[in-house]
Amino acid sequence: MARTTDEWEAQIGAQVREERLRRGIDQASLATAANVSTQSLSGLENGAGSRLATLIKVVRALGREAWLEDLAPLTEVSPLAMLRDRDRATPRRRAPRRRPPIEGNLP
């Protein structure tokens, strides 16, 4: 079953809260380390909606950049480069040229 946006926000917020508590950090200290307001951190942890920048700052302050890498892994092969290489490997064909009818040879 697919989760709603609200459910994802709640789950991500809960994971951030669990990591903070596991490390024994209070909200004010983490907010200061992440350079966000305590209110923003609280909103993130409660799944009340948050800016992506807030999430990134808090995750980095927790030293959990791997979470971000899991969301957006680095790609070694560019999809655009693959398309360019494919196009270069296939010779281009010209479209047939339309020729106007010859008027002098009509019966």
C-alpha atoms as a PDB file:
ATOM      1  CA  MET A   1       0.000   0.000   0.000  1.00  0.00           C
ATOM      2  CA  ALA A   2       1.391   3.399  -0.989  1.00  0.00           C
ATOM      3  CA  ARG A   3       1.947   5.940   1.750  1.00  0.00           C
ATOM      4  CA  THR A   4       0.543   9.427   1.679  1.00  0.00           C
ATOM      5  CA  THR A   5       2.734  12.503   1.905  1.00  0.00           C
ATOM      6  CA  ASP A   6       1.591  13.000   5.505  1.00  0.00           C
ATOM      7  CA  GLU A   7       2.585   9.448   6.374  1.00  0.00           C
ATOM      8  CA  TRP A   8       6.045   9.912   4.813  1.00  0.00           C
ATOM      9  CA  GLU A   9       6.530  13.171   6.734  1.00  0.00           C
ATOM     10  CA  ALA A  10       5.565  11.456   9.973  1.00  0.00           C
ATOM     11  CA  GLN A  11       7.891   8.505   9.348  1.00  0.00           C
ATOM     12  CA  ILE A  12      10.880  10.661   8.392  1.00  0.00           C
ATOM     13  CA  GLY A  13      10.265  12.936  11.364  1.00  0.00           C
ATOM     14  CA  ALA A  14      10.103   9.931  13.682  1.00  0.00           C
ATOM     15  CA  GLN A  15      13.412   8.638  12.307  1.00  0.00           C
ATOM     16  CA  VAL A  16      15.071  12.006  12.893  1.00  0.00           C
ATOM     17  CA  ARG A  17      13.677  12.120  16.455  1.00  0.00           C
ATOM     18  CA  GLU A  18      14.824   8.537  17.163  1.00  0.00           C
ATOM     19  CA  GLU A  19      18.347   9.319  15.950  1.00  0.00           C
ATOM     20  CA  ARG A  20      18.478  12.503  18.037  1.00  0.00           C
ATOM     21  CA  LEU A  21      17.303  10.683  21.160  1.00  0.00           C
ATOM     22  CA  ARG A  22      19.631   7.737  20.518  1.00  0.00           C
ATOM     23  CA  ARG A  23      22.513  10.188  20.549  1.00  0.00           C
ATOM     24  CA  GLY A  24      21.201  11.910  23.690  1.00  0.00           C
ATOM     25  CA  ILE A  25      20.870  15.326  22.024  1.00  0.00           C
ATOM     26  CA  ASP A  26      18.128  17.753  23.002  1.00  0.00           C
ATOM     27  CA  GLN A  27      16.184  19.659  20.355  1.00  0.00           C
ATOM     28  CA  ALA A  28      17.785  23.024  21.146  1.00  0.00           C
ATOM     29  CA  SER A  29      21.316  21.639  20.757  1.00  0.00           C
ATOM     30  CA  LEU A  30      20.548  19.893  17.477  1.00  0.00           C
ATOM     31  CA  ALA A  31      18.748  22.946  16.132  1.00  0.00           C
ATOM     32  CA  THR A  32      21.798  25.085  16.952  1.00  0.00           C
ATOM     33  CA  ALA A  33      24.174  22.567  15.360  1.00  0.00           C
ATOM     34  CA  ALA A  34      21.991  22.421  12.235  1.00  0.00           C
ATOM     35  CA  ASN A  35      21.548  26.212  12.121  1.00  0.00           C
ATOM     36  CA  VAL A  36      17.746  25.918  12.142  1.00  0.00           C
ATOM     37  CA  SER A  37      15.170  27.119  14.636  1.00  0.00           C
ATOM     38  CA  THR A  38      13.934  24.823  17.390  1.00  0.00           C
ATOM     39  CA  GLN A  39      10.444  25.339  15.970  1.00  0.00           C
ATOM     40  CA  SER A  40      11.597  24.098  12.537  1.00  0.00           C
ATOM     41  CA  LEU A  41      13.213  21.029  14.084  1.00  0.00           C
ATOM     42  CA  SER A  42      10.108  20.319  16.146  1.00  0.00           C
ATOM     43  CA  GLY A  43       7.922  20.605  13.049  1.00  0.00           C
ATOM     44  CA  LEU A  44      10.211  18.221  11.174  1.00  0.00           C
ATOM     45  CA  GLU A  45      10.152  15.645  13.982  1.00  0.00           C
ATOM     46  CA  ASN A  46       6.373  15.889  14.327  1.00  0.00           C
ATOM     47  CA  GLY A  47       5.750  15.428  10.600  1.00  0.00           C
ATOM     48  CA  ALA A  48       4.112  18.832  10.455  1.00  0.00           C
ATOM     49  CA  GLY A  49       5.771  19.733   7.165  1.00  0.00           C
ATOM     50  CA  SER A  50       9.214  21.109   6.739  1.00  0.00           C
ATOM     51  CA  ARG A  51      11.483  22.632   4.162  1.00  0.00           C
ATOM     52  CA  LEU A  52      13.840  20.289   2.371  1.00  0.00           C
ATOM     53  CA  ALA A  53      16.731  22.534   3.427  1.00  0.00           C
ATOM     54  CA  THR A  54      15.778  21.992   7.093  1.00  0.00           C
ATOM     55  CA  LEU A  55      15.787  18.226   6.639  1.00  0.00           C
ATOM     56  CA  ILE A  56      19.187  18.315   4.921  1.00  0.00           C
ATOM     57  CA  LYS A  57      20.728  20.549   7.597  1.00  0.00           C
ATOM     58  CA  VAL A  58      19.416  18.377  10.431  1.00  0.00           C
ATOM     59  CA  VAL A  59      20.513  15.125   8.783  1.00  0.00           C
ATOM     60  CA  ARG A  60      23.984  16.572   8.209  1.00  0.00           C
ATOM     61  CA  ALA A  61      24.185  17.801  11.819  1.00  0.00           C
ATOM     62  CA  LEU A  62      23.356  14.254  12.928  1.00  0.00           C
ATOM     63  CA  GLY A  63      26.170  12.964  10.718  1.00  0.00           C
ATOM     64  CA  ARG A  64      23.761  10.816   8.708  1.00  0.00           C
ATOM     65  CA  GLU A  65      24.546  12.001   5.177  1.00  0.00           C
ATOM     66  CA  ALA A  66      24.217   8.351   4.098  1.00  0.00           C
ATOM     67  CA  TRP A  67      20.449   8.811   4.430  1.00  0.00           C
ATOM     68  CA  LEU A  68      20.652  11.497   1.768  1.00  0.00           C
ATOM     69  CA  GLU A  69      22.886   9.333  -0.428  1.00  0.00           C
ATOM     70  CA  ASP A  70      20.261   6.584  -0.256  1.00  0.00           C
ATOM     71  CA  LEU A  71      17.652   9.050  -1.505  1.00  0.00           C
ATOM     72  CA  ALA A  72      19.807  10.423  -4.307  1.00  0.00           C
ATOM     73  CA  PRO A  73      22.690   8.074  -5.036  1.00  0.00           C
ATOM     74  CA  LEU A  74      25.519   9.319  -7.187  1.00  0.00           C
ATOM     75  CA  THR A  75      25.304   7.946 -10.686  1.00  0.00           C
ATOM     76  CA  GLU A  76      28.434   6.967 -12.498  1.00  0.00           C
ATOM     77  CA  VAL A  77      26.720   6.870 -15.863  1.00  0.00           C
ATOM     78  CA  SER A  78      24.813   9.870 -17.071  1.00  0.00           C
ATOM     79  CA  PRO A  79      21.512   9.002 -18.771  1.00  0.00           C
ATOM     80  CA  LEU A  80      22.068  11.922 -21.146  1.00  0.00           C
ATOM     81  CA  ALA A  81      25.528  10.634 -22.047  1.00  0.00           C
ATOM     82  CA  MET A  82      24.012   7.213 -22.734  1.00  0.00           C
ATOM     83  CA  LEU A  83      21.521   8.779 -25.150  1.00  0.00           C
ATOM     84  CA  ARG A  84      24.273  10.757 -26.896  1.00  0.00           C
ATOM     85  CA  ASP A  85      26.401   7.633 -27.258  1.00  0.00           C
ATOM     86  CA  ARG A  86      23.455   5.678 -28.605  1.00  0.00           C
ATOM     87  CA  ASP A  87      22.691   8.398 -31.146  1.00  0.00           C
ATOM     88  CA  ARG A  88      26.324   8.496 -32.270  1.00  0.00           C
ATOM     89  CA  ALA A  89      26.423   4.720 -32.722  1.00  0.00           C
ATOM     90  CA  THR A  90      23.364   4.755 -34.992  1.00  0.00           C
ATOM     91  CA  PRO A  91      24.065   6.412 -38.349  1.00  0.00           C
ATOM     92  CA  ARG A  92      21.617   9.101 -39.253  1.00  0.00           C
ATOM     93  CA  ARG A  93      19.391   8.504 -42.221  1.00  0.00           C
ATOM     94  CA  ARG A  94      18.163  11.282 -44.374  1.00  0.00           C
ATOM     95  CA  ALA A  95      14.494  11.613 -45.044  1.00  0.00           C
ATOM     96  CA  PRO A  96      13.564  11.040 -48.673  1.00  0.00           C
ATOM     97  CA  ARG A  97      13.335  14.275 -50.600  1.00  0.00           C
ATOM     98  CA  ARG A  98       9.999  15.082 -52.112  1.00  0.00           C
ATOM     99  CA  ARG A  99      10.229  15.936 -55.747  1.00  0.00           C
ATOM    100  CA  PRO A 100       7.669  18.104 -57.470  1.00  0.00           C
ATOM    101  CA  PRO A 101       5.666  16.379 -60.193  1.00  0.00           C
ATOM    102  CA  ILE A 102       6.974  16.857 -63.738  1.00  0.00           C
ATOM    103  CA  GLU A 103       4.432  18.888 -65.645  1.00  0.00           C
ATOM    104  CA  GLY A 104       5.742  18.324 -69.170  1.00  0.00           C
ATOM    105  CA  ASN A 105       5.055  14.581 -69.248  1.00  0.00           C
ATOM    106  CA  LEU A 106       1.335  14.689 -68.533  1.00  0.00           C
ATOM    107  CA  PRO A 107      -0.897  12.845 -71.108  1.00  0.00           C
END
